[in-house]
Amino acid sequence: MSNNMVVQGIPDIFRQGIAKGWVTYNGAALEKPLALECDVLVIGTGAGGGTAAEIFAQQGLKVIMLEEGPLRTSNDFDMQENKAYSNLYQEGLTRGTADGAFTIMQGRTVGGSTTVNWTASFRTPEQTLEHWTNVHGLKGFTKEEMAPWFEKMEQRLHISKWKMVPNANNSVISKGCDKLGYDWAIIPRNVNGCWNLGYCGTGCPTNAKQSMLVTTIPAAMELGAELMYRARADQLIIEGEQVKGVSGYGLAENGIDRTQAFTVRAKHTVMACGGINGPGLLLRSNAPDPHQRIGKRTFLHPVPATLGDFPERIDGYYGAPQSVYSDHFQWINGTTGPAGFKLEVPPMQPGFVASIGMLHGQAHSDQMNRLPYLNMMIALLRDGFVEESQGGEIFLREDGLPGIHYEINDYLREGIVRAWKTMTEIQFAAGAKAVRPVHSQSRYVSSLKEAVQQAEALDLDINKMRVGSAHVMGGCGMGEDPKTSVVDSMGKFHHLDGLHIMDGSTFPTSIGANPQLSIYGMVAKQATALADQLKG
């Protein structure tokens, strides 16, 4: 094996595969228009697209996968934040809502967000599945019906509870919750032979993270599937009532400029482009939408954060990024009522903390100088379960690319303040000497009483507080009634034949957990049924 195929004894699966004949097309290198044909076109290579592509290829169907982002593999992952964020994330990690209120972290690379996520892998909560069944009329989504599909994908992707000792950043949750009598548990992760480096968000250099990049996509390619990357799907090819594939264009190495046009004609098209790009593609294609549902009810799990300064070193940039969580406040008011939330921590890489931690000048410098002693806690607010929480809406910008409107209303503001208070309480209980909510006007305070007063007094204007999201869901919601949904419970588009959507964009609400396993299980079920149909 030549040296350029191994990193510290770790083989680069993709470089080896390409060397032995896997078929790939680099849109950046197109010098003339390209025309391809296949049985099934899969647009997007993240949790949905990667899972579906493997299942179709296993059934002997000719599969082409399209990916807007670059092909980056273990040999390219060097744990450098600046390079990873600009290369591996949508809009170079500057994607956000139209009003600037949210920063949205989404992958844009082969493997999608699974290549850069922090590995937390939860089944869809039972309460969410019940809500979908009872309120949104989904078929086949009870806990019992979904369990075998979750189990299948847990085995496929080595998902199990993290067995090593959680790092100090995660242990703040368990320590604080133990003191206060709140529930907490260990997070299941999709890893195999993890080195515990802590830089999952910049791409795994050891191939331990069982992302689509190292599991389902290589498996599909071994079976003859083809991959085109740096390729933007611009418009679905719609002939009469039938989708016949997609037309698009290659993207230059900068990920922005166009190279040459391409078309992929397919007997069946599966969109797995995510909750922003998916509705964007449908809108650009003028797909029939008689009830104006495309792009509506887009959910983000709005994420507020607090920073705790501890007397002892936390070193939150090392070790598994997420290994402890608390759902104590998730369903405390049932499925409806005030916004429930899941508590986790993010990893504390310096670039990440510097950009989202807010503050300016000396205060920012002082905060960064304390980085080894800081813990950050985050709350994933569960949106979409009540009338006051309708989510956001996808629209097309002047350049034809999708944007998102998402209003932080009073319902969410109440949840944000409640989450700040709860996280602050847990950080103090775990031994923090000072805590502040991530807000431009907040300061570190040294008692819970002061912290609660500060949280209640802060101006909740959108651009004064930092709210993030790494989970875009909805926008092409599932349901059996075309008046209220975009696709049916199996992902089939209501108003055209030859088109399925298989990813988190079809969730009728947010789910209240990191979504990758929810997508894996749902798509395994949907793609298996569709593959049987297409083969038949």
Protein backbone atom coordinates (compact mmCIF):
# COMPACT_ATOMS: atom_id res chain seq x y z
CA MET A 1 0.00 0.00 0.00
CA SER A 2 1.45 3.36 -0.95
CA ASN A 3 2.04 5.97 1.74
CA ASN A 4 -0.55 8.39 0.41
CA MET A 5 -3.27 5.88 1.31
CA VAL A 6 -2.60 5.64 5.02
CA VAL A 7 -2.66 7.96 7.99
CA GLN A 8 -0.86 6.54 11.02
CA GLY A 9 -1.75 3.05 9.90
CA ILE A 10 -5.37 4.00 9.10
CA PRO A 11 -6.22 3.13 5.49
CA ASP A 12 -8.08 5.80 3.51
CA ILE A 13 -11.10 3.74 2.42
CA PHE A 14 -12.05 6.09 -0.41
CA ARG A 15 -8.61 6.46 -1.95
CA GLN A 16 -8.23 2.69 -1.95
CA GLY A 17 -11.67 2.26 -3.53
CA ILE A 18 -11.03 4.80 -6.28
CA ALA A 19 -7.67 3.15 -6.97
CA LYS A 20 -9.42 -0.15 -7.60
CA GLY A 21 -12.10 1.30 -9.86
CA TRP A 22 -14.95 2.97 -7.97
CA VAL A 23 -16.64 5.39 -10.38
CA THR A 24 -16.62 9.02 -9.26
CA TYR A 25 -17.16 12.30 -11.10
CA ASN A 26 -15.74 15.58 -9.80
CA GLY A 27 -18.05 18.43 -10.82
CA ALA A 28 -15.20 20.90 -10.33
CA ALA A 29 -13.23 19.17 -13.11
CA LEU A 30 -16.02 19.07 -15.73
CA GLU A 31 -14.80 20.52 -19.03
CA LYS A 32 -17.93 19.74 -21.04
CA PRO A 33 -21.55 18.92 -20.23
CA LEU A 34 -22.14 15.46 -18.76
CA ALA A 35 -25.17 13.19 -19.19
CA LEU A 36 -25.68 10.12 -16.98
CA GLU A 37 -28.45 7.53 -16.55
CA CYS A 38 -29.42 5.19 -13.73
CA ASP A 39 -32.23 3.26 -12.06
CA VAL A 40 -32.22 5.36 -8.89
CA LEU A 41 -30.77 8.83 -8.45
CA VAL A 42 -30.06 9.75 -4.81
CA ILE A 43 -29.57 13.50 -4.29
CA GLY A 44 -27.58 14.07 -1.09
CA THR A 45 -25.20 11.70 0.72
CA GLY A 46 -25.98 12.33 4.38
CA ALA A 47 -27.91 10.13 6.82
CA GLY A 48 -30.85 9.72 4.42
CA GLY A 49 -29.03 9.48 1.09
CA GLY A 50 -26.23 7.26 2.35
CA THR A 51 -28.65 4.81 3.97
CA ALA A 52 -30.93 4.68 0.91
CA ALA A 53 -28.06 4.29 -1.62
CA GLU A 54 -26.71 1.17 0.10
CA ILE A 55 -30.16 -0.46 0.25
CA PHE A 56 -30.88 0.23 -3.45
CA ALA A 57 -27.43 -1.03 -4.51
CA GLN A 58 -27.91 -4.22 -2.48
CA GLN A 59 -30.99 -4.94 -4.61
CA GLY A 60 -28.98 -4.75 -7.82
CA LEU A 61 -30.32 -1.34 -8.90
CA LYS A 62 -27.95 1.03 -10.68
CA VAL A 63 -27.50 3.96 -8.29
CA ILE A 64 -25.97 7.40 -8.80
CA MET A 65 -25.37 9.59 -5.73
CA LEU A 66 -25.13 13.37 -6.14
CA GLU A 67 -23.39 15.55 -3.56
CA GLU A 68 -23.05 19.34 -3.62
CA GLY A 69 -20.03 19.33 -1.31
CA PRO A 70 -16.46 18.10 -1.87
CA LEU A 71 -15.08 14.60 -1.39
CA ARG A 72 -12.92 14.82 1.73
CA THR A 73 -11.69 11.66 3.42
CA SER A 74 -9.65 10.56 6.43
CA ASN A 75 -6.36 11.66 4.85
CA ASP A 76 -7.76 15.21 4.55
CA PHE A 77 -8.99 15.44 8.15
CA ASP A 78 -6.24 17.13 10.16
CA MET A 79 -8.31 18.54 13.07
CA GLN A 80 -7.79 22.14 11.88
CA GLU A 81 -10.93 24.12 12.60
CA ASN A 82 -10.47 26.87 10.00
CA LYS A 83 -10.02 24.41 7.15
CA ALA A 84 -12.82 22.07 8.28
CA TYR A 85 -15.46 24.75 8.81
CA SER A 86 -14.87 26.44 5.44
CA ASN A 87 -14.65 23.14 3.50
CA LEU A 88 -17.11 20.77 5.17
CA TYR A 89 -20.09 22.91 6.20
CA GLN A 90 -22.91 24.65 4.33
CA GLU A 91 -21.93 28.20 3.39
CA GLY A 92 -18.59 27.76 5.16
CA LEU A 93 -20.39 27.57 8.54
CA THR A 94 -22.04 30.97 7.93
CA ARG A 95 -25.50 29.55 7.10
CA GLY A 96 -28.17 31.20 9.21
CA THR A 97 -31.72 32.48 9.28
CA ALA A 98 -32.61 35.52 7.17
CA ASP A 99 -32.77 37.79 10.24
CA GLY A 100 -29.38 36.64 11.55
CA ALA A 101 -30.90 35.22 14.75
CA PHE A 102 -29.63 31.66 14.22
CA THR A 103 -26.32 30.13 13.23
CA ILE A 104 -27.07 26.83 11.44
CA MET A 105 -24.45 24.07 11.39
CA GLN A 106 -25.03 21.65 8.50
CA GLY A 107 -22.58 19.42 6.69
CA ARG A 108 -21.78 19.96 3.01
CA THR A 109 -19.43 17.17 2.04
CA VAL A 110 -19.65 13.51 1.00
CA GLY A 111 -21.42 11.91 3.98
CA GLY A 112 -23.25 15.17 4.74
CA SER A 113 -23.65 16.09 8.39
CA THR A 114 -22.78 12.50 9.41
CA THR A 115 -19.16 13.28 8.45
CA VAL A 116 -18.94 16.24 10.85
CA ASN A 117 -21.51 15.58 13.59
CA TRP A 118 -20.64 14.79 17.20
CA THR A 119 -21.90 11.15 16.99
CA ALA A 120 -24.89 11.30 19.40
CA SER A 121 -27.35 8.62 18.20
CA PHE A 122 -30.82 8.43 19.78
CA ARG A 123 -33.93 6.56 18.67
CA THR A 124 -36.90 8.84 18.01
CA PRO A 125 -38.53 9.37 21.43
CA GLU A 126 -41.69 7.33 21.97
CA GLN A 127 -43.61 10.52 22.80
CA THR A 128 -42.67 12.01 19.42
CA LEU A 129 -43.72 8.88 17.52
CA GLU A 130 -47.07 8.89 19.36
CA HIS A 131 -47.59 12.55 18.53
CA TRP A 132 -46.85 11.92 14.85
CA THR A 133 -49.27 9.00 14.78
CA ASN A 134 -52.11 10.68 16.68
CA VAL A 135 -51.80 14.31 15.57
CA HIS A 136 -50.21 14.07 12.11
CA GLY A 137 -51.79 10.79 11.01
CA LEU A 138 -48.58 8.94 10.13
CA LYS A 139 -48.82 5.22 9.35
CA GLY A 140 -46.18 2.71 10.44
CA PHE A 141 -44.48 4.98 13.00
CA THR A 142 -45.42 3.42 16.33
CA LYS A 143 -42.60 2.54 18.70
CA GLU A 144 -43.16 -1.17 17.97
CA GLU A 145 -43.18 -0.69 14.18
CA MET A 146 -39.99 1.38 14.20
CA ALA A 147 -37.98 -0.68 16.75
CA PRO A 148 -36.67 -3.32 14.29
CA TRP A 149 -35.45 -0.62 11.89
CA PHE A 150 -33.63 1.28 14.63
CA GLU A 151 -32.09 -1.98 15.79
CA LYS A 152 -30.98 -2.86 12.26
CA MET A 153 -29.19 0.48 11.84
CA GLU A 154 -27.70 0.40 15.36
CA GLN A 155 -26.03 -2.85 14.40
CA ARG A 156 -25.02 -1.58 10.95
CA LEU A 157 -23.36 1.55 12.40
CA HIS A 158 -21.98 0.19 15.71
CA ILE A 159 -24.29 2.38 17.79
CA SER A 160 -24.04 1.74 21.52
CA LYS A 161 -23.71 3.64 24.79
CA TRP A 162 -20.28 5.25 25.19
CA LYS A 163 -18.19 2.94 27.36
CA MET A 164 -15.25 5.19 28.26
CA VAL A 165 -15.30 7.66 31.15
CA PRO A 166 -17.02 10.89 30.00
CA ASN A 167 -14.71 13.89 29.80
CA ALA A 168 -14.99 16.67 32.39
CA ASN A 169 -17.11 18.84 30.07
CA ASN A 170 -19.81 16.14 29.87
CA SER A 171 -19.41 15.23 33.54
CA VAL A 172 -20.71 18.67 34.53
CA ILE A 173 -24.19 17.41 33.55
CA SER A 174 -23.97 14.20 35.56
CA LYS A 175 -22.39 15.87 38.62
CA GLY A 176 -24.84 18.76 38.68
CA CYS A 177 -27.88 16.56 38.01
CA ASP A 178 -26.84 14.11 40.76
CA LYS A 179 -26.64 16.99 43.26
CA LEU A 180 -30.06 18.29 42.24
CA GLY A 181 -31.86 14.97 41.84
CA TYR A 182 -32.34 15.33 38.06
CA ASP A 183 -32.18 12.37 35.65
CA TRP A 184 -29.23 11.93 33.27
CA ALA A 185 -27.87 9.11 31.11
CA ILE A 186 -25.00 8.09 28.81
CA ILE A 187 -25.27 8.94 25.10
CA PRO A 188 -25.17 6.18 22.46
CA ARG A 189 -22.52 6.95 19.78
CA ASN A 190 -21.94 5.57 16.26
CA VAL A 191 -18.25 4.77 16.65
CA ASN A 192 -16.02 1.72 16.26
CA GLY A 193 -12.52 1.83 17.75
CA CYS A 194 -12.81 5.51 18.74
CA TRP A 195 -9.53 7.22 19.71
CA ASN A 196 -11.37 9.73 21.95
CA LEU A 197 -9.71 12.69 20.17
CA GLY A 198 -12.62 15.11 20.56
CA TYR A 199 -12.44 16.68 17.11
CA CYS A 200 -15.45 14.87 15.55
CA GLY A 201 -16.73 18.18 14.17
CA THR A 202 -13.73 18.52 11.84
CA GLY A 203 -14.02 15.02 10.31
CA CYS A 204 -12.70 11.79 11.84
CA PRO A 205 -9.05 11.13 10.85
CA THR A 206 -9.17 7.54 12.16
CA ASN A 207 -12.39 6.39 10.42
CA ALA A 208 -13.80 5.43 13.82
CA LYS A 209 -16.93 7.54 13.38
CA GLN A 210 -19.35 5.31 11.49
CA SER A 211 -20.56 8.06 9.19
CA MET A 212 -21.98 7.43 5.72
CA LEU A 213 -18.52 8.35 4.39
CA VAL A 214 -16.98 5.13 5.72
CA THR A 215 -19.98 2.77 5.89
CA THR A 216 -22.94 2.85 3.51
CA ILE A 217 -21.42 4.94 0.69
CA PRO A 218 -18.34 2.69 0.27
CA ALA A 219 -20.64 -0.38 0.54
CA ALA A 220 -22.87 1.01 -2.23
CA MET A 221 -19.86 1.79 -4.41
CA GLU A 222 -18.49 -1.72 -3.94
CA LEU A 223 -21.79 -2.86 -5.49
CA GLY A 224 -21.40 -0.55 -8.48
CA ALA A 225 -23.05 2.68 -7.31
CA GLU A 226 -21.47 5.85 -8.72
CA LEU A 227 -20.78 9.15 -6.97
CA MET A 228 -20.74 12.67 -8.38
CA TYR A 229 -19.53 15.36 -5.98
CA ARG A 230 -19.20 19.14 -6.24
CA ALA A 231 -22.48 18.85 -8.15
CA ARG A 232 -25.50 21.02 -7.42
CA ALA A 233 -28.94 19.63 -8.28
CA ASP A 234 -30.61 22.67 -9.79
CA GLN A 235 -33.98 21.46 -11.12
CA LEU A 236 -35.91 18.22 -11.16
CA ILE A 237 -36.68 16.99 -14.68
CA ILE A 238 -40.50 16.87 -14.63
CA GLU A 239 -42.30 15.39 -17.65
CA GLY A 240 -46.07 15.35 -17.21
CA GLU A 241 -46.78 13.83 -13.80
CA GLN A 242 -43.40 12.07 -13.63
CA VAL A 243 -39.98 13.03 -12.27
CA LYS A 244 -37.28 11.72 -14.62
CA GLY A 245 -34.11 12.83 -12.81
CA VAL A 246 -32.35 16.14 -12.34
CA SER A 247 -30.38 18.79 -14.17
CA GLY A 248 -27.66 20.77 -12.47
CA TYR A 249 -24.15 22.10 -12.71
CA GLY A 250 -20.71 21.34 -11.36
CA LEU A 251 -19.22 23.64 -8.73
CA ALA A 252 -15.63 24.86 -8.92
CA GLU A 253 -13.19 24.03 -6.12
CA ASN A 254 -14.27 27.20 -4.31
CA GLY A 255 -17.75 25.63 -4.01
CA ILE A 256 -19.39 28.71 -5.55
CA ASP A 257 -18.57 29.22 -9.24
CA ARG A 258 -20.21 27.04 -11.89
CA THR A 259 -18.29 24.73 -14.19
CA GLN A 260 -20.38 22.71 -16.70
CA ALA A 261 -23.99 21.53 -16.83
CA PHE A 262 -24.97 17.92 -16.16
CA THR A 263 -28.14 15.83 -16.30
CA VAL A 264 -28.87 12.56 -14.56
CA ARG A 265 -31.90 10.78 -16.00
CA ALA A 266 -33.34 8.19 -13.64
CA LYS A 267 -36.27 5.80 -13.43
CA HIS A 268 -36.73 6.97 -9.85
CA THR A 269 -35.41 9.98 -7.93
CA VAL A 270 -34.84 10.10 -4.17
CA MET A 271 -34.20 13.49 -2.60
CA ALA A 272 -32.14 13.47 0.58
CA CYS A 273 -30.93 17.07 0.44
CA GLY A 274 -31.87 18.16 3.97
CA GLY A 275 -34.44 20.54 5.43
CA ILE A 276 -33.19 23.67 3.62
CA ASN A 277 -31.74 22.48 0.29
CA GLY A 278 -34.57 19.95 -0.27
CA PRO A 279 -37.46 22.45 -0.22
CA GLY A 280 -35.15 24.78 -2.19
CA LEU A 281 -34.82 22.21 -5.00
CA LEU A 282 -38.60 21.66 -5.11
CA LEU A 283 -39.25 25.42 -5.24
CA ARG A 284 -36.68 25.97 -8.02
CA SER A 285 -38.27 23.10 -9.95
CA ASN A 286 -41.77 24.60 -9.66
CA ALA A 287 -42.93 21.24 -8.28
CA PRO A 288 -46.72 21.12 -7.91
CA ASP A 289 -47.75 22.43 -4.50
CA PRO A 290 -51.52 23.01 -4.55
CA HIS A 291 -51.76 23.47 -0.77
CA GLN A 292 -48.58 25.57 -0.34
CA ARG A 293 -46.84 23.08 1.97
CA ILE A 294 -43.31 23.01 0.51
CA GLY A 295 -40.84 24.67 2.86
CA LYS A 296 -43.39 25.25 5.63
CA ARG A 297 -42.99 23.94 9.21
CA THR A 298 -39.20 23.84 9.16
CA PHE A 299 -37.85 23.11 12.63
CA LEU A 300 -34.45 23.85 14.17
CA HIS A 301 -34.30 22.66 17.81
CA PRO A 302 -33.39 26.24 18.85
CA VAL A 303 -30.29 25.97 21.05
CA PRO A 304 -29.44 28.50 23.79
CA ALA A 305 -26.24 28.01 25.80
CA THR A 306 -24.59 28.93 29.09
CA LEU A 307 -20.88 29.07 29.97
CA GLY A 308 -19.61 27.97 33.37
CA ASP A 309 -16.13 28.90 34.66
CA PHE A 310 -14.70 26.19 36.95
CA PRO A 311 -11.80 26.30 39.42
CA GLU A 312 -10.33 23.07 38.01
CA ARG A 313 -9.38 22.38 34.38
CA ILE A 314 -12.15 21.06 32.12
CA ASP A 315 -10.17 20.85 28.82
CA GLY A 316 -13.46 20.40 26.96
CA TYR A 317 -11.70 20.20 23.56
CA TYR A 318 -10.41 16.67 24.34
CA GLY A 319 -12.44 13.47 24.52
CA ALA A 320 -15.77 12.36 23.04
CA PRO A 321 -17.69 15.61 22.43
CA GLN A 322 -21.04 14.33 23.67
CA SER A 323 -21.34 11.43 26.10
CA VAL A 324 -23.84 12.55 28.80
CA TYR A 325 -27.32 14.02 28.40
CA SER A 326 -30.37 14.82 30.49
CA ASP A 327 -33.98 14.48 29.33
CA HIS A 328 -35.29 15.48 32.76
CA PHE A 329 -36.89 18.64 31.30
CA GLN A 330 -37.84 17.17 27.93
CA TRP A 331 -41.32 15.78 28.64
CA ILE A 332 -41.93 17.32 32.06
CA ASN A 333 -45.11 19.01 30.72
CA GLY A 334 -46.07 16.13 28.44
CA THR A 335 -45.79 16.35 24.67
CA THR A 336 -47.41 19.78 24.52
CA GLY A 337 -47.23 22.70 26.95
CA PRO A 338 -44.18 24.98 27.33
CA ALA A 339 -41.12 24.02 25.24
CA GLY A 340 -39.36 20.92 26.58
CA PHE A 341 -35.60 20.58 26.09
CA LYS A 342 -32.76 18.07 26.04
CA LEU A 343 -29.52 19.05 27.82
CA GLU A 344 -26.11 18.27 26.30
CA VAL A 345 -22.69 19.92 25.96
CA PRO A 346 -20.80 20.87 22.80
CA PRO A 347 -17.05 20.34 22.32
CA MET A 348 -14.92 23.36 23.28
CA GLN A 349 -12.60 23.83 20.30
CA PRO A 350 -11.15 27.38 20.47
CA GLY A 351 -12.48 28.62 17.11
CA PHE A 352 -15.95 27.30 17.88
CA VAL A 353 -16.07 28.86 21.37
CA ALA A 354 -14.58 32.16 20.18
CA SER A 355 -17.21 32.52 17.47
CA ILE A 356 -20.30 31.53 19.45
CA GLY A 357 -19.31 32.64 22.98
CA MET A 358 -20.01 36.34 22.24
CA LEU A 359 -18.52 39.28 24.21
CA HIS A 360 -16.07 41.83 22.77
CA GLY A 361 -12.63 43.28 23.40
CA GLN A 362 -11.11 42.62 26.82
CA ALA A 363 -14.11 40.60 28.06
CA HIS A 364 -13.79 38.27 25.06
CA SER A 365 -10.02 37.98 25.54
CA ASP A 366 -10.47 37.20 29.25
CA GLN A 367 -13.07 34.55 28.44
CA MET A 368 -10.82 32.84 25.86
CA ASN A 369 -7.90 32.89 28.30
CA ARG A 370 -10.10 30.84 30.64
CA LEU A 371 -10.95 28.30 27.89
CA PRO A 372 -9.34 25.29 29.66
CA TYR A 373 -11.62 25.97 32.67
CA LEU A 374 -14.87 26.57 30.78
CA ASN A 375 -17.84 24.26 30.35
CA MET A 376 -20.60 25.07 27.88
CA MET A 377 -24.04 23.57 28.27
CA ILE A 378 -26.69 23.60 25.55
CA ALA A 379 -30.45 22.99 25.52
CA LEU A 380 -32.19 21.58 22.43
CA LEU A 381 -35.66 23.17 22.51
CA ARG A 382 -38.31 20.90 21.06
CA ASP A 383 -40.22 22.97 18.46
CA GLY A 384 -43.34 22.11 16.45
CA PHE A 385 -45.53 20.35 19.02
CA VAL A 386 -47.97 23.17 19.81
CA GLU A 387 -49.95 25.78 17.90
CA GLU A 388 -47.57 28.58 18.98
CA SER A 389 -44.61 26.72 17.48
CA GLN A 390 -45.05 26.51 13.69
CA GLY A 391 -41.32 26.60 12.88
CA GLY A 392 -39.87 28.48 9.95
CA GLU A 393 -40.28 28.68 6.20
CA ILE A 394 -37.86 28.09 3.32
CA PHE A 395 -37.80 30.66 0.50
CA LEU A 396 -35.67 31.25 -2.59
CA ARG A 397 -33.19 34.12 -2.46
CA GLU A 398 -32.46 36.30 -5.50
CA ASP A 399 -29.60 33.97 -6.50
CA GLY A 400 -32.01 31.00 -6.56
CA LEU A 401 -30.50 29.38 -3.46
CA PRO A 402 -32.65 28.68 -0.41
CA GLY A 403 -32.89 30.82 2.69
CA ILE A 404 -34.91 30.35 5.86
CA HIS A 405 -37.22 32.63 7.81
CA TYR A 406 -37.63 31.53 11.44
CA GLU A 407 -39.13 33.78 14.07
CA ILE A 408 -38.08 33.54 17.70
CA ASN A 409 -41.47 34.25 19.27
CA ASP A 410 -42.64 34.56 22.88
CA TYR A 411 -43.18 30.79 23.16
CA LEU A 412 -39.51 30.16 22.35
CA ARG A 413 -38.26 33.13 24.40
CA GLU A 414 -39.90 31.67 27.50
CA GLY A 415 -38.18 28.35 26.79
CA ILE A 416 -34.81 30.01 26.24
CA VAL A 417 -34.92 31.85 29.60
CA ARG A 418 -36.10 28.69 31.39
CA ALA A 419 -33.27 26.70 29.80
CA TRP A 420 -30.68 29.34 30.79
CA LYS A 421 -31.85 29.16 34.42
CA THR A 422 -31.83 25.35 34.46
CA MET A 423 -28.36 25.04 32.91
CA THR A 424 -26.98 27.70 35.24
CA GLU A 425 -28.38 25.83 38.25
CA ILE A 426 -26.73 22.58 37.08
CA GLN A 427 -23.36 24.28 36.42
CA PHE A 428 -23.29 25.88 39.90
CA ALA A 429 -24.31 22.54 41.46
CA ALA A 430 -21.38 20.89 39.63
CA GLY A 431 -18.92 23.38 41.13
CA ALA A 432 -18.75 26.36 38.75
CA LYS A 433 -17.50 29.55 40.37
CA ALA A 434 -19.16 31.81 37.77
CA VAL A 435 -21.74 31.37 34.99
CA ARG A 436 -23.22 33.47 32.18
CA PRO A 437 -25.83 32.82 29.46
CA VAL A 438 -24.44 33.24 25.94
CA HIS A 439 -25.78 36.73 25.24
CA SER A 440 -23.99 39.88 24.09
CA GLN A 441 -24.93 41.81 27.24
CA SER A 442 -24.47 39.11 29.88
CA ARG A 443 -21.56 38.92 32.31
CA TYR A 444 -20.22 36.16 34.55
CA VAL A 445 -21.96 36.16 37.95
CA SER A 446 -20.98 34.11 40.96
CA SER A 447 -24.30 33.05 42.52
CA LEU A 448 -27.41 31.28 41.30
CA LYS A 449 -29.58 34.12 42.59
CA GLU A 450 -27.68 36.69 40.50
CA ALA A 451 -27.73 34.35 37.51
CA VAL A 452 -31.51 33.93 37.64
CA GLN A 453 -31.97 37.71 37.98
CA GLN A 454 -29.65 38.29 34.99
CA ALA A 455 -31.46 35.70 32.82
CA GLU A 456 -34.82 37.33 33.58
CA ALA A 457 -33.54 40.86 32.91
CA LEU A 458 -31.70 40.34 29.61
CA ASP A 459 -33.10 41.91 26.45
CA LEU A 460 -34.28 39.00 24.27
CA ASP A 461 -33.89 40.88 21.01
CA ILE A 462 -32.80 38.37 18.35
CA ASN A 463 -29.35 39.76 17.63
CA LYS A 464 -28.40 40.27 21.26
CA MET A 465 -28.53 36.59 22.20
CA ARG A 466 -26.87 33.67 20.47
CA VAL A 467 -29.17 30.85 19.37
CA GLY A 468 -27.77 28.02 17.28
CA SER A 469 -29.01 24.93 15.48
CA ALA A 470 -27.38 21.80 14.14
CA HIS A 471 -30.67 20.01 13.41
CA VAL A 472 -32.75 21.20 10.45
CA MET A 473 -35.97 19.17 10.27
CA GLY A 474 -39.24 19.49 8.38
CA GLY A 475 -40.03 21.59 5.33
CA CYS A 476 -41.32 18.54 3.41
CA GLY A 477 -43.47 17.09 6.16
CA MET A 478 -44.94 13.56 6.08
CA GLY A 479 -48.62 12.76 6.36
CA GLU A 480 -51.35 10.88 4.52
CA ASP A 481 -53.35 14.06 3.78
CA PRO A 482 -51.91 16.07 0.85
CA LYS A 483 -53.60 19.20 2.21
CA THR A 484 -51.29 19.24 5.23
CA SER A 485 -48.16 17.39 4.04
CA VAL A 486 -45.67 17.11 1.17
CA VAL A 487 -45.00 13.35 1.18
CA ASP A 488 -46.81 10.28 2.53
CA SER A 489 -45.59 8.09 5.40
CA MET A 490 -43.26 6.19 3.02
CA GLY A 491 -41.72 9.39 1.66
CA LYS A 492 -43.55 9.42 -1.70
CA PHE A 493 -44.19 12.93 -3.03
CA HIS A 494 -47.96 13.51 -3.11
CA HIS A 495 -48.27 15.29 -6.45
CA LEU A 496 -45.73 13.58 -8.75
CA ASP A 497 -44.69 10.00 -9.53
CA GLY A 498 -41.10 8.82 -9.54
CA LEU A 499 -40.09 11.00 -6.57
CA HIS A 500 -39.49 10.12 -2.91
CA ILE A 501 -37.98 12.28 -0.16
CA MET A 502 -36.03 10.37 2.48
CA ASP A 503 -34.37 12.50 5.14
CA GLY A 504 -35.11 14.68 8.19
CA SER A 505 -36.97 17.20 6.03
CA THR A 506 -40.01 14.88 6.19
CA PHE A 507 -40.33 14.99 10.01
CA PRO A 508 -43.74 16.55 10.88
CA THR A 509 -42.20 18.23 13.97
CA SER A 510 -38.74 18.39 15.50
CA ILE A 511 -37.97 15.20 17.40
CA GLY A 512 -36.41 16.29 20.69
CA ALA A 513 -33.16 14.39 20.08
CA ASN A 514 -30.14 14.48 17.79
CA PRO A 515 -31.73 13.25 14.54
CA GLN A 516 -29.28 10.94 12.78
CA LEU A 517 -30.60 7.60 14.10
CA SER A 518 -34.20 8.75 13.52
CA ILE A 519 -33.27 9.31 9.87
CA TYR A 520 -31.36 6.02 9.57
CA GLY A 521 -34.26 3.95 10.92
CA MET A 522 -36.98 5.75 8.98
CA VAL A 523 -35.05 5.65 5.67
CA ALA A 524 -34.02 2.00 6.10
CA LYS A 525 -37.72 1.15 6.29
CA GLN A 526 -38.78 3.43 3.41
CA ALA A 527 -35.89 2.53 1.07
CA THR A 528 -36.33 -1.22 1.66
CA ALA A 529 -39.99 -0.97 0.63
CA LEU A 530 -39.19 1.19 -2.41
CA ALA A 531 -36.33 -1.10 -3.52
CA ASP A 532 -38.72 -4.09 -3.44
CA GLN A 533 -41.21 -2.12 -5.52
CA LEU A 534 -38.61 -0.97 -8.10
CA LYS A 535 -37.09 -4.43 -8.38
CA GLY A 536 -40.53 -5.98 -8.83
